[in-house]
mmCIF file of all heavy atoms, coordinates in Angstrom:
data_MODEL
# 
_entry.id   MODEL 
# 
loop_
_atom_site.group_PDB 
_atom_site.id 
_atom_site.type_symbol 
_atom_site.label_atom_id 
_atom_site.label_alt_id 
_atom_site.label_comp_id 
_atom_site.label_asym_id 
_atom_site.label_entity_id 
_atom_site.label_seq_id 
_atom_site.pdbx_PDB_ins_code 
_atom_site.Cartn_x 
_atom_site.Cartn_y 
_atom_site.Cartn_z 
_atom_site.occupancy 
_atom_site.B_iso_or_equiv 
_atom_site.pdbx_formal_charge 
_atom_site.auth_seq_id 
_atom_site.auth_comp_id 
_atom_site.auth_asym_id 
_atom_site.auth_atom_id 
_atom_site.pdbx_PDB_model_num 
ATOM 1   N N   . ALA A 1 1  ? -126.897 53.974 153.200 1.00 0.00 ? 1  ALA A N   1 
ATOM 2   C CA  . ALA A 1 1  ? -126.191 53.208 152.168 1.00 0.00 ? 1  ALA A CA  1 
ATOM 3   C C   . ALA A 1 1  ? -124.682 53.172 152.444 1.00 0.00 ? 1  ALA A C   1 
ATOM 4   O O   . ALA A 1 1  ? -124.024 52.109 152.168 1.00 0.00 ? 1  ALA A O   1 
ATOM 5   C CB  . ALA A 1 1  ? -126.481 53.779 150.817 1.00 0.00 ? 1  ALA A CB  1 
ATOM 6   N N   . VAL A 1 2  ? -124.148 54.236 152.896 1.00 0.00 ? 2  VAL A N   1 
ATOM 7   C CA  . VAL A 1 2  ? -122.669 54.258 153.284 1.00 0.00 ? 2  VAL A CA  1 
ATOM 8   C C   . VAL A 1 2  ? -122.421 53.298 154.399 1.00 0.00 ? 2  VAL A C   1 
ATOM 9   O O   . VAL A 1 2  ? -121.401 52.550 154.342 1.00 0.00 ? 2  VAL A O   1 
ATOM 10  C CB  . VAL A 1 2  ? -122.213 55.665 153.619 1.00 0.00 ? 2  VAL A CB  1 
ATOM 11  C CG1 . VAL A 1 2  ? -120.835 55.667 154.215 1.00 0.00 ? 2  VAL A CG1 1 
ATOM 12  C CG2 . VAL A 1 2  ? -122.337 56.592 152.465 1.00 0.00 ? 2  VAL A CG2 1 
ATOM 13  N N   . LYS A 1 3  ? -123.281 53.289 155.396 1.00 0.00 ? 3  LYS A N   1 
ATOM 14  C CA  . LYS A 1 3  ? -123.087 52.325 156.492 1.00 0.00 ? 3  LYS A CA  1 
ATOM 15  C C   . LYS A 1 3  ? -123.150 50.897 156.040 1.00 0.00 ? 3  LYS A C   1 
ATOM 16  O O   . LYS A 1 3  ? -122.557 50.029 156.643 1.00 0.00 ? 3  LYS A O   1 
ATOM 17  C CB  . LYS A 1 3  ? -124.210 52.549 157.545 1.00 0.00 ? 3  LYS A CB  1 
ATOM 18  C CG  . LYS A 1 3  ? -124.085 53.904 158.317 1.00 0.00 ? 3  LYS A CG  1 
ATOM 19  C CD  . LYS A 1 3  ? -125.273 54.039 159.289 1.00 0.00 ? 3  LYS A CD  1 
ATOM 20  C CE  . LYS A 1 3  ? -125.216 55.374 159.992 1.00 0.00 ? 3  LYS A CE  1 
ATOM 21  N NZ  . LYS A 1 3  ? -126.430 55.554 160.814 1.00 0.00 ? 3  LYS A NZ  1 
ATOM 22  N N   . ALA A 1 4  ? -123.868 50.631 154.984 1.00 0.00 ? 4  ALA A N   1 
ATOM 23  C CA  . ALA A 1 4  ? -123.933 49.298 154.406 1.00 0.00 ? 4  ALA A CA  1 
ATOM 24  C C   . ALA A 1 4  ? -122.754 48.951 153.492 1.00 0.00 ? 4  ALA A C   1 
ATOM 25  O O   . ALA A 1 4  ? -122.765 47.917 152.915 1.00 0.00 ? 4  ALA A O   1 
ATOM 26  C CB  . ALA A 1 4  ? -125.244 49.132 153.647 1.00 0.00 ? 4  ALA A CB  1 
ATOM 27  N N   . GLY A 1 5  ? -121.782 49.885 153.357 1.00 0.00 ? 5  GLY A N   1 
ATOM 28  C CA  . GLY A 1 5  ? -120.597 49.618 152.609 1.00 0.00 ? 5  GLY A CA  1 
ATOM 29  C C   . GLY A 1 5  ? -120.465 50.382 151.343 1.00 0.00 ? 5  GLY A C   1 
ATOM 30  O O   . GLY A 1 5  ? -119.507 50.209 150.544 1.00 0.00 ? 5  GLY A O   1 
ATOM 31  N N   . GLY A 1 6  ? -121.314 51.252 151.023 1.00 0.00 ? 6  GLY A N   1 
ATOM 32  C CA  . GLY A 1 6  ? -121.295 52.058 149.737 1.00 0.00 ? 6  GLY A CA  1 
ATOM 33  C C   . GLY A 1 6  ? -120.264 53.161 149.819 1.00 0.00 ? 6  GLY A C   1 
ATOM 34  O O   . GLY A 1 6  ? -119.844 53.598 150.904 1.00 0.00 ? 6  GLY A O   1 
ATOM 35  N N   . ASP A 1 7  ? -119.894 53.660 148.622 1.00 0.00 ? 7  ASP A N   1 
ATOM 36  C CA  . ASP A 1 7  ? -118.970 54.789 148.455 1.00 0.00 ? 7  ASP A CA  1 
ATOM 37  C C   . ASP A 1 7  ? -119.697 56.119 148.436 1.00 0.00 ? 7  ASP A C   1 
ATOM 38  O O   . ASP A 1 7  ? -120.567 56.215 147.602 1.00 0.00 ? 7  ASP A O   1 
ATOM 39  C CB  . ASP A 1 7  ? -118.155 54.595 147.207 1.00 0.00 ? 7  ASP A CB  1 
ATOM 40  C CG  . ASP A 1 7  ? -117.083 55.712 146.969 1.00 0.00 ? 7  ASP A CG  1 
ATOM 41  O OD1 . ASP A 1 7  ? -117.591 56.835 146.583 1.00 0.00 ? 7  ASP A OD1 1 
ATOM 42  O OD2 . ASP A 1 7  ? -115.982 55.492 147.255 1.00 0.00 ? 7  ASP A OD2 1 
ATOM 43  N N   . ARG A 1 8  ? -119.471 56.959 149.391 1.00 0.00 ? 8  ARG A N   1 
ATOM 44  C CA  . ARG A 1 8  ? -120.229 58.142 149.481 1.00 0.00 ? 8  ARG A CA  1 
ATOM 45  C C   . ARG A 1 8  ? -120.277 58.985 148.255 1.00 0.00 ? 8  ARG A C   1 
ATOM 46  O O   . ARG A 1 8  ? -121.309 59.480 147.889 1.00 0.00 ? 8  ARG A O   1 
ATOM 47  C CB  . ARG A 1 8  ? -119.735 59.059 150.687 1.00 0.00 ? 8  ARG A CB  1 
ATOM 48  C CG  . ARG A 1 8  ? -120.719 60.206 150.941 1.00 0.00 ? 8  ARG A CG  1 
ATOM 49  C CD  . ARG A 1 8  ? -120.122 61.335 151.792 1.00 0.00 ? 8  ARG A CD  1 
ATOM 50  N NE  . ARG A 1 8  ? -121.092 62.342 152.022 1.00 0.00 ? 8  ARG A NE  1 
ATOM 51  C CZ  . ARG A 1 8  ? -121.448 63.275 151.115 1.00 0.00 ? 8  ARG A CZ  1 
ATOM 52  N NH1 . ARG A 1 8  ? -120.902 63.263 149.878 1.00 0.00 ? 8  ARG A NH1 1 
ATOM 53  N NH2 . ARG A 1 8  ? -122.329 64.259 151.474 1.00 0.00 ? 8  ARG A NH2 1 
ATOM 54  N N   . GLN A 1 9  ? -119.176 59.237 147.652 1.00 0.00 ? 9  GLN A N   1 
ATOM 55  C CA  . GLN A 1 9  ? -119.104 60.070 146.460 1.00 0.00 ? 9  GLN A CA  1 
ATOM 56  C C   . GLN A 1 9  ? -119.920 59.449 145.311 1.00 0.00 ? 9  GLN A C   1 
ATOM 57  O O   . GLN A 1 9  ? -120.650 60.168 144.543 1.00 0.00 ? 9  GLN A O   1 
ATOM 58  C CB  . GLN A 1 9  ? -117.585 60.311 145.950 1.00 0.00 ? 9  GLN A CB  1 
ATOM 59  C CG  . GLN A 1 9  ? -116.723 60.901 147.070 1.00 0.00 ? 9  GLN A CG  1 
ATOM 60  C CD  . GLN A 1 9  ? -117.343 62.123 147.713 1.00 0.00 ? 9  GLN A CD  1 
ATOM 61  O OE1 . GLN A 1 9  ? -117.886 63.014 146.958 1.00 0.00 ? 9  GLN A OE1 1 
ATOM 62  N NE2 . GLN A 1 9  ? -117.311 62.176 148.964 1.00 0.00 ? 9  GLN A NE2 1 
ATOM 63  N N   . GLU A 1 10 ? -119.780 58.199 145.059 1.00 0.00 ? 10 GLU A N   1 
ATOM 64  C CA  . GLU A 1 10 ? -120.547 57.519 144.096 1.00 0.00 ? 10 GLU A CA  1 
ATOM 65  C C   . GLU A 1 10 ? -122.075 57.550 144.367 1.00 0.00 ? 10 GLU A C   1 
ATOM 66  O O   . GLU A 1 10 ? -122.890 57.828 143.443 1.00 0.00 ? 10 GLU A O   1 
ATOM 67  C CB  . GLU A 1 10 ? -120.155 56.031 143.908 1.00 0.00 ? 10 GLU A CB  1 
ATOM 68  C CG  . GLU A 1 10 ? -118.733 55.794 143.355 1.00 0.00 ? 10 GLU A CG  1 
ATOM 69  C CD  . GLU A 1 10 ? -118.338 54.443 143.181 1.00 0.00 ? 10 GLU A CD  1 
ATOM 70  O OE1 . GLU A 1 10 ? -119.159 53.559 143.551 1.00 0.00 ? 10 GLU A OE1 1 
ATOM 71  O OE2 . GLU A 1 10 ? -117.138 54.154 142.857 1.00 0.00 ? 10 GLU A OE2 1 
ATOM 72  N N   . LEU A 1 11 ? -122.401 57.340 145.605 1.00 0.00 ? 11 LEU A N   1 
ATOM 73  C CA  . LEU A 1 11 ? -123.787 57.378 146.028 1.00 0.00 ? 11 LEU A CA  1 
ATOM 74  C C   . LEU A 1 11 ? -124.403 58.811 145.856 1.00 0.00 ? 11 LEU A C   1 
ATOM 75  O O   . LEU A 1 11 ? -125.538 58.957 145.442 1.00 0.00 ? 11 LEU A O   1 
ATOM 76  C CB  . LEU A 1 11 ? -123.962 56.924 147.524 1.00 0.00 ? 11 LEU A CB  1 
ATOM 77  C CG  . LEU A 1 11 ? -123.694 55.404 147.724 1.00 0.00 ? 11 LEU A CG  1 
ATOM 78  C CD1 . LEU A 1 11 ? -123.626 55.178 149.213 1.00 0.00 ? 11 LEU A CD1 1 
ATOM 79  C CD2 . LEU A 1 11 ? -124.786 54.612 147.109 1.00 0.00 ? 11 LEU A CD2 1 
ATOM 80  N N   . HIS A 1 12 ? -123.528 59.824 146.239 1.00 0.00 ? 12 HIS A N   1 
ATOM 81  C CA  . HIS A 1 12 ? -124.070 61.261 146.114 1.00 0.00 ? 12 HIS A CA  1 
ATOM 82  C C   . HIS A 1 12 ? -124.312 61.495 144.656 1.00 0.00 ? 12 HIS A C   1 
ATOM 83  O O   . HIS A 1 12 ? -125.363 62.154 144.334 1.00 0.00 ? 12 HIS A O   1 
ATOM 84  C CB  . HIS A 1 12 ? -122.924 62.150 146.579 1.00 0.00 ? 12 HIS A CB  1 
ATOM 85  C CG  . HIS A 1 12 ? -123.373 63.608 146.488 1.00 0.00 ? 12 HIS A CG  1 
ATOM 86  N ND1 . HIS A 1 12 ? -123.290 64.362 145.381 1.00 0.00 ? 12 HIS A ND1 1 
ATOM 87  C CD2 . HIS A 1 12 ? -123.831 64.403 147.535 1.00 0.00 ? 12 HIS A CD2 1 
ATOM 88  C CE1 . HIS A 1 12 ? -123.713 65.598 145.649 1.00 0.00 ? 12 HIS A CE1 1 
ATOM 89  N NE2 . HIS A 1 12 ? -124.067 65.585 146.933 1.00 0.00 ? 12 HIS A NE2 1 
ATOM 90  N N   . GLU A 1 13 ? -123.502 61.082 143.737 1.00 0.00 ? 13 GLU A N   1 
ATOM 91  C CA  . GLU A 1 13 ? -123.690 61.301 142.210 1.00 0.00 ? 13 GLU A CA  1 
ATOM 92  C C   . GLU A 1 13 ? -124.953 60.590 141.811 1.00 0.00 ? 13 GLU A C   1 
ATOM 93  O O   . GLU A 1 13 ? -125.742 61.144 140.989 1.00 0.00 ? 13 GLU A O   1 
ATOM 94  C CB  . GLU A 1 13 ? -122.515 60.977 141.439 1.00 0.00 ? 13 GLU A CB  1 
ATOM 95  C CG  . GLU A 1 13 ? -122.611 61.103 139.923 1.00 0.00 ? 13 GLU A CG  1 
ATOM 96  C CD  . GLU A 1 13 ? -123.023 62.522 139.465 1.00 0.00 ? 13 GLU A CD  1 
ATOM 97  O OE1 . GLU A 1 13 ? -122.678 63.471 140.250 1.00 0.00 ? 13 GLU A OE1 1 
ATOM 98  O OE2 . GLU A 1 13 ? -123.627 62.637 138.409 1.00 0.00 ? 13 GLU A OE2 1 
ATOM 99  N N   . LYS A 1 14 ? -125.092 59.360 142.248 1.00 0.00 ? 14 LYS A N   1 
ATOM 100 C CA  . LYS A 1 14 ? -126.247 58.584 141.771 1.00 0.00 ? 14 LYS A CA  1 
ATOM 101 C C   . LYS A 1 14 ? -127.541 59.165 142.328 1.00 0.00 ? 14 LYS A C   1 
ATOM 102 O O   . LYS A 1 14 ? -128.493 59.261 141.527 1.00 0.00 ? 14 LYS A O   1 
ATOM 103 C CB  . LYS A 1 14 ? -126.100 57.126 142.342 1.00 0.00 ? 14 LYS A CB  1 
ATOM 104 C CG  . LYS A 1 14 ? -127.181 56.162 141.788 1.00 0.00 ? 14 LYS A CG  1 
ATOM 105 C CD  . LYS A 1 14 ? -127.066 56.045 140.207 1.00 0.00 ? 14 LYS A CD  1 
ATOM 106 C CE  . LYS A 1 14 ? -128.019 55.102 139.599 1.00 0.00 ? 14 LYS A CE  1 
ATOM 107 N NZ  . LYS A 1 14 ? -127.997 55.006 138.195 1.00 0.00 ? 14 LYS A NZ  1 
ATOM 108 N N   . ILE A 1 15 ? -127.564 59.576 143.574 1.00 0.00 ? 15 ILE A N   1 
ATOM 109 C CA  . ILE A 1 15 ? -128.805 60.130 144.085 1.00 0.00 ? 15 ILE A CA  1 
ATOM 110 C C   . ILE A 1 15 ? -129.162 61.492 143.481 1.00 0.00 ? 15 ILE A C   1 
ATOM 111 O O   . ILE A 1 15 ? -130.268 61.835 143.290 1.00 0.00 ? 15 ILE A O   1 
ATOM 112 C CB  . ILE A 1 15 ? -128.764 60.251 145.676 1.00 0.00 ? 15 ILE A CB  1 
ATOM 113 C CG1 . ILE A 1 15 ? -130.154 59.973 146.210 1.00 0.00 ? 15 ILE A CG1 1 
ATOM 114 C CG2 . ILE A 1 15 ? -128.184 61.543 146.144 1.00 0.00 ? 15 ILE A CG2 1 
ATOM 115 C CD1 . ILE A 1 15 ? -130.124 59.564 147.657 1.00 0.00 ? 15 ILE A CD1 1 
ATOM 116 N N   . ARG A 1 16 ? -128.075 62.208 143.019 1.00 0.00 ? 16 ARG A N   1 
ATOM 117 C CA  . ARG A 1 16 ? -128.311 63.439 142.328 1.00 0.00 ? 16 ARG A CA  1 
ATOM 118 C C   . ARG A 1 16 ? -128.983 63.210 140.949 1.00 0.00 ? 16 ARG A C   1 
ATOM 119 O O   . ARG A 1 16 ? -129.964 63.839 140.700 1.00 0.00 ? 16 ARG A O   1 
ATOM 120 C CB  . ARG A 1 16 ? -126.999 64.189 142.128 1.00 0.00 ? 16 ARG A CB  1 
ATOM 121 C CG  . ARG A 1 16 ? -127.143 65.590 141.504 1.00 0.00 ? 16 ARG A CG  1 
ATOM 122 C CD  . ARG A 1 16 ? -125.800 66.186 141.121 1.00 0.00 ? 16 ARG A CD  1 
ATOM 123 N NE  . ARG A 1 16 ? -125.232 65.481 139.910 1.00 0.00 ? 16 ARG A NE  1 
ATOM 124 C CZ  . ARG A 1 16 ? -125.619 65.690 138.638 1.00 0.00 ? 16 ARG A CZ  1 
ATOM 125 N NH1 . ARG A 1 16 ? -126.495 66.549 138.365 1.00 0.00 ? 16 ARG A NH1 1 
ATOM 126 N NH2 . ARG A 1 16 ? -125.105 64.976 137.702 1.00 0.00 ? 16 ARG A NH2 1 
ATOM 127 N N   . GLU A 1 17 ? -128.534 62.165 140.241 1.00 0.00 ? 17 GLU A N   1 
ATOM 128 C CA  . GLU A 1 17 ? -129.187 61.808 138.985 1.00 0.00 ? 17 GLU A CA  1 
ATOM 129 C C   . GLU A 1 17 ? -130.574 61.398 139.151 1.00 0.00 ? 17 GLU A C   1 
ATOM 130 O O   . GLU A 1 17 ? -131.468 61.764 138.370 1.00 0.00 ? 17 GLU A O   1 
ATOM 131 C CB  . GLU A 1 17 ? -128.279 60.638 138.329 1.00 0.00 ? 17 GLU A CB  1 
ATOM 132 C CG  . GLU A 1 17 ? -126.907 61.140 137.943 1.00 0.00 ? 17 GLU A CG  1 
ATOM 133 C CD  . GLU A 1 17 ? -126.074 59.877 137.399 1.00 0.00 ? 17 GLU A CD  1 
ATOM 134 O OE1 . GLU A 1 17 ? -126.702 58.761 137.424 1.00 0.00 ? 17 GLU A OE1 1 
ATOM 135 O OE2 . GLU A 1 17 ? -124.956 60.123 137.066 1.00 0.00 ? 17 GLU A OE2 1 
ATOM 136 N N   . LEU A 1 18 ? -130.862 60.579 140.156 1.00 0.00 ? 18 LEU A N   1 
ATOM 137 C CA  . LEU A 1 18 ? -132.147 60.036 140.362 1.00 0.00 ? 18 LEU A CA  1 
ATOM 138 C C   . LEU A 1 18 ? -133.145 61.196 140.839 1.00 0.00 ? 18 LEU A C   1 
ATOM 139 O O   . LEU A 1 18 ? -134.291 61.248 140.457 1.00 0.00 ? 18 LEU A O   1 
ATOM 140 C CB  . LEU A 1 18 ? -132.173 59.012 141.435 1.00 0.00 ? 18 LEU A CB  1 
ATOM 141 C CG  . LEU A 1 18 ? -131.399 57.682 141.110 1.00 0.00 ? 18 LEU A CG  1 
ATOM 142 C CD1 . LEU A 1 18 ? -131.383 56.708 142.197 1.00 0.00 ? 18 LEU A CD1 1 
ATOM 143 C CD2 . LEU A 1 18 ? -131.981 57.013 139.797 1.00 0.00 ? 18 LEU A CD2 1 
ATOM 144 N N   . SER A 1 19 ? -132.564 62.145 141.548 1.00 0.00 ? 19 SER A N   1 
ATOM 145 C CA  . SER A 1 19 ? -133.423 63.314 142.008 1.00 0.00 ? 19 SER A CA  1 
ATOM 146 C C   . SER A 1 19 ? -133.844 64.120 140.824 1.00 0.00 ? 19 SER A C   1 
ATOM 147 O O   . SER A 1 19 ? -134.947 64.597 140.779 1.00 0.00 ? 19 SER A O   1 
ATOM 148 C CB  . SER A 1 19 ? -132.630 64.152 143.010 1.00 0.00 ? 19 SER A CB  1 
ATOM 149 O OG  . SER A 1 19 ? -132.311 63.375 144.152 1.00 0.00 ? 19 SER A OG  1 
ATOM 150 N N   . MET A 1 20 ? -132.963 64.237 139.913 1.00 0.00 ? 20 MET A N   1 
ATOM 151 C CA  . MET A 1 20 ? -133.213 65.012 138.687 1.00 0.00 ? 20 MET A CA  1 
ATOM 152 C C   . MET A 1 20 ? -134.352 64.316 137.841 1.00 0.00 ? 20 MET A C   1 
ATOM 153 O O   . MET A 1 20 ? -135.226 65.016 137.357 1.00 0.00 ? 20 MET A O   1 
ATOM 154 C CB  . MET A 1 20 ? -131.933 65.210 137.720 1.00 0.00 ? 20 MET A CB  1 
ATOM 155 C CG  . MET A 1 20 ? -130.967 66.103 138.391 1.00 0.00 ? 20 MET A CG  1 
ATOM 156 S SD  . MET A 1 20 ? -131.511 67.799 138.559 1.00 0.00 ? 20 MET A SD  1 
ATOM 157 C CE  . MET A 1 20 ? -130.046 68.482 139.436 1.00 0.00 ? 20 MET A CE  1 
ATOM 158 N N   . GLN A 1 21 ? -134.205 62.997 137.773 1.00 0.00 ? 21 GLN A N   1 
ATOM 159 C CA  . GLN A 1 21 ? -135.290 62.251 137.077 1.00 0.00 ? 21 GLN A CA  1 
ATOM 160 C C   . GLN A 1 21 ? -136.670 62.408 137.747 1.00 0.00 ? 21 GLN A C   1 
ATOM 161 O O   . GLN A 1 21 ? -137.605 62.607 137.087 1.00 0.00 ? 21 GLN A O   1 
ATOM 162 C CB  . GLN A 1 21 ? -134.902 60.785 137.059 1.00 0.00 ? 21 GLN A CB  1 
ATOM 163 C CG  . GLN A 1 21 ? -133.722 60.480 136.132 1.00 0.00 ? 21 GLN A CG  1 
ATOM 164 C CD  . GLN A 1 21 ? -133.350 58.956 136.166 1.00 0.00 ? 21 GLN A CD  1 
ATOM 165 O OE1 . GLN A 1 21 ? -134.306 58.115 136.214 1.00 0.00 ? 21 GLN A OE1 1 
ATOM 166 N NE2 . GLN A 1 21 ? -132.042 58.620 136.070 1.00 0.00 ? 21 GLN A NE2 1 
ATOM 167 N N   . ALA A 1 22 ? -136.635 62.316 139.091 1.00 0.00 ? 22 ALA A N   1 
ATOM 168 C CA  . ALA A 1 22 ? -137.854 62.462 139.843 1.00 0.00 ? 22 ALA A CA  1 
ATOM 169 C C   . ALA A 1 22 ? -138.346 63.871 139.668 1.00 0.00 ? 22 ALA A C   1 
ATOM 170 O O   . ALA A 1 22 ? -139.677 64.000 139.567 1.00 0.00 ? 22 ALA A O   1 
ATOM 171 C CB  . ALA A 1 22 ? -137.645 62.110 141.326 1.00 0.00 ? 22 ALA A CB  1 
ATOM 172 N N   . GLY A 1 23 ? -137.548 64.804 139.641 1.00 0.00 ? 23 GLY A N   1 
ATOM 173 C CA  . GLY A 1 23 ? -138.010 66.226 139.481 1.00 0.00 ? 23 GLY A CA  1 
ATOM 174 C C   . GLY A 1 23 ? -138.627 66.423 138.146 1.00 0.00 ? 23 GLY A C   1 
ATOM 175 O O   . GLY A 1 23 ? -139.685 67.112 138.100 1.00 0.00 ? 23 GLY A O   1 
ATOM 176 N N   . ALA A 1 24 ? -138.132 65.786 137.088 1.00 0.00 ? 24 ALA A N   1 
ATOM 177 C CA  . ALA A 1 24 ? -138.723 65.892 135.819 1.00 0.00 ? 24 ALA A CA  1 
ATOM 178 C C   . ALA A 1 24 ? -140.062 65.145 135.790 1.00 0.00 ? 24 ALA A C   1 
ATOM 179 O O   . ALA A 1 24 ? -141.003 65.632 135.147 1.00 0.00 ? 24 ALA A O   1 
ATOM 180 C CB  . ALA A 1 24 ? -137.773 65.343 134.758 1.00 0.00 ? 24 ALA A CB  1 
ATOM 181 N N   . HIS A 1 25 ? -140.168 64.052 136.447 1.00 0.00 ? 25 HIS A N   1 
ATOM 182 C CA  . HIS A 1 25 ? -141.356 63.300 136.556 1.00 0.00 ? 25 HIS A CA  1 
ATOM 183 C C   . HIS A 1 25 ? -142.504 64.156 137.099 1.00 0.00 ? 25 HIS A C   1 
ATOM 184 O O   . HIS A 1 25 ? -143.632 64.074 136.679 1.00 0.00 ? 25 HIS A O   1 
ATOM 185 C CB  . HIS A 1 25 ? -141.129 62.048 137.432 1.00 0.00 ? 25 HIS A CB  1 
ATOM 186 C CG  . HIS A 1 25 ? -142.122 60.986 137.355 1.00 0.00 ? 25 HIS A CG  1 
ATOM 187 N ND1 . HIS A 1 25 ? -143.091 60.673 138.303 1.00 0.00 ? 25 HIS A ND1 1 
ATOM 188 C CD2 . HIS A 1 25 ? -142.442 60.127 136.248 1.00 0.00 ? 25 HIS A CD2 1 
ATOM 189 C CE1 . HIS A 1 25 ? -143.827 59.744 137.882 1.00 0.00 ? 25 HIS A CE1 1 
ATOM 190 N NE2 . HIS A 1 25 ? -143.464 59.342 136.714 1.00 0.00 ? 25 HIS A NE2 1 
ATOM 191 N N   . VAL A 1 26 ? -142.092 64.987 138.160 1.00 0.00 ? 26 VAL A N   1 
ATOM 192 C CA  . VAL A 1 26 ? -143.051 65.823 138.764 1.00 0.00 ? 26 VAL A CA  1 
ATOM 193 C C   . VAL A 1 26 ? -143.410 67.041 137.884 1.00 0.00 ? 26 VAL A C   1 
ATOM 194 O O   . VAL A 1 26 ? -144.634 67.392 137.600 1.00 0.00 ? 26 VAL A O   1 
ATOM 195 C CB  . VAL A 1 26 ? -142.623 66.264 140.168 1.00 0.00 ? 26 VAL A CB  1 
ATOM 196 C CG1 . VAL A 1 26 ? -143.576 67.356 140.752 1.00 0.00 ? 26 VAL A CG1 1 
ATOM 197 C CG2 . VAL A 1 26 ? -142.552 65.044 141.104 1.00 0.00 ? 26 VAL A CG2 1 
ATOM 198 N N   . LYS A 1 27 ? -142.388 67.784 137.428 1.00 0.00 ? 27 LYS A N   1 
ATOM 199 C CA  . LYS A 1 27 ? -142.554 69.117 136.883 1.00 0.00 ? 27 LYS A CA  1 
ATOM 200 C C   . LYS A 1 27 ? -142.914 68.992 135.356 1.00 0.00 ? 27 LYS A C   1 
ATOM 201 O O   . LYS A 1 27 ? -143.705 69.855 134.822 1.00 0.00 ? 27 LYS A O   1 
ATOM 202 C CB  . LYS A 1 27 ? -141.339 69.949 137.093 1.00 0.00 ? 27 LYS A CB  1 
ATOM 203 C CG  . LYS A 1 27 ? -141.260 70.375 138.555 1.00 0.00 ? 27 LYS A CG  1 
ATOM 204 C CD  . LYS A 1 27 ? -140.046 71.376 138.732 1.00 0.00 ? 27 LYS A CD  1 
ATOM 205 C CE  . LYS A 1 27 ? -138.710 70.727 138.809 1.00 0.00 ? 27 LYS A CE  1 
ATOM 206 N NZ  . LYS A 1 27 ? -137.593 71.553 139.173 1.00 0.00 ? 27 LYS A NZ  1 
ATOM 207 N N   . VAL A 1 28 ? -142.279 68.061 134.660 1.00 0.00 ? 28 VAL A N   1 
ATOM 208 C CA  . VAL A 1 28 ? -142.486 67.955 133.219 1.00 0.00 ? 28 VAL A CA  1 
ATOM 209 C C   . VAL A 1 28 ? -143.755 67.070 132.951 1.00 0.00 ? 28 VAL A C   1 
ATOM 210 O O   . VAL A 1 28 ? -144.589 67.461 132.103 1.00 0.00 ? 28 VAL A O   1 
ATOM 211 C CB  . VAL A 1 28 ? -141.311 67.374 132.498 1.00 0.00 ? 28 VAL A CB  1 
ATOM 212 C CG1 . VAL A 1 28 ? -141.472 67.228 131.007 1.00 0.00 ? 28 VAL A CG1 1 
ATOM 213 C CG2 . VAL A 1 28 ? -140.124 68.288 132.735 1.00 0.00 ? 28 VAL A CG2 1 
# 
């Protein structure tokens, strides 16, 4: 995504949020 022009810091935070959602989807 960074190679496609995205901002690494913003992408890192977004993927962290989505990972938490996915984790809850699995565990909860």
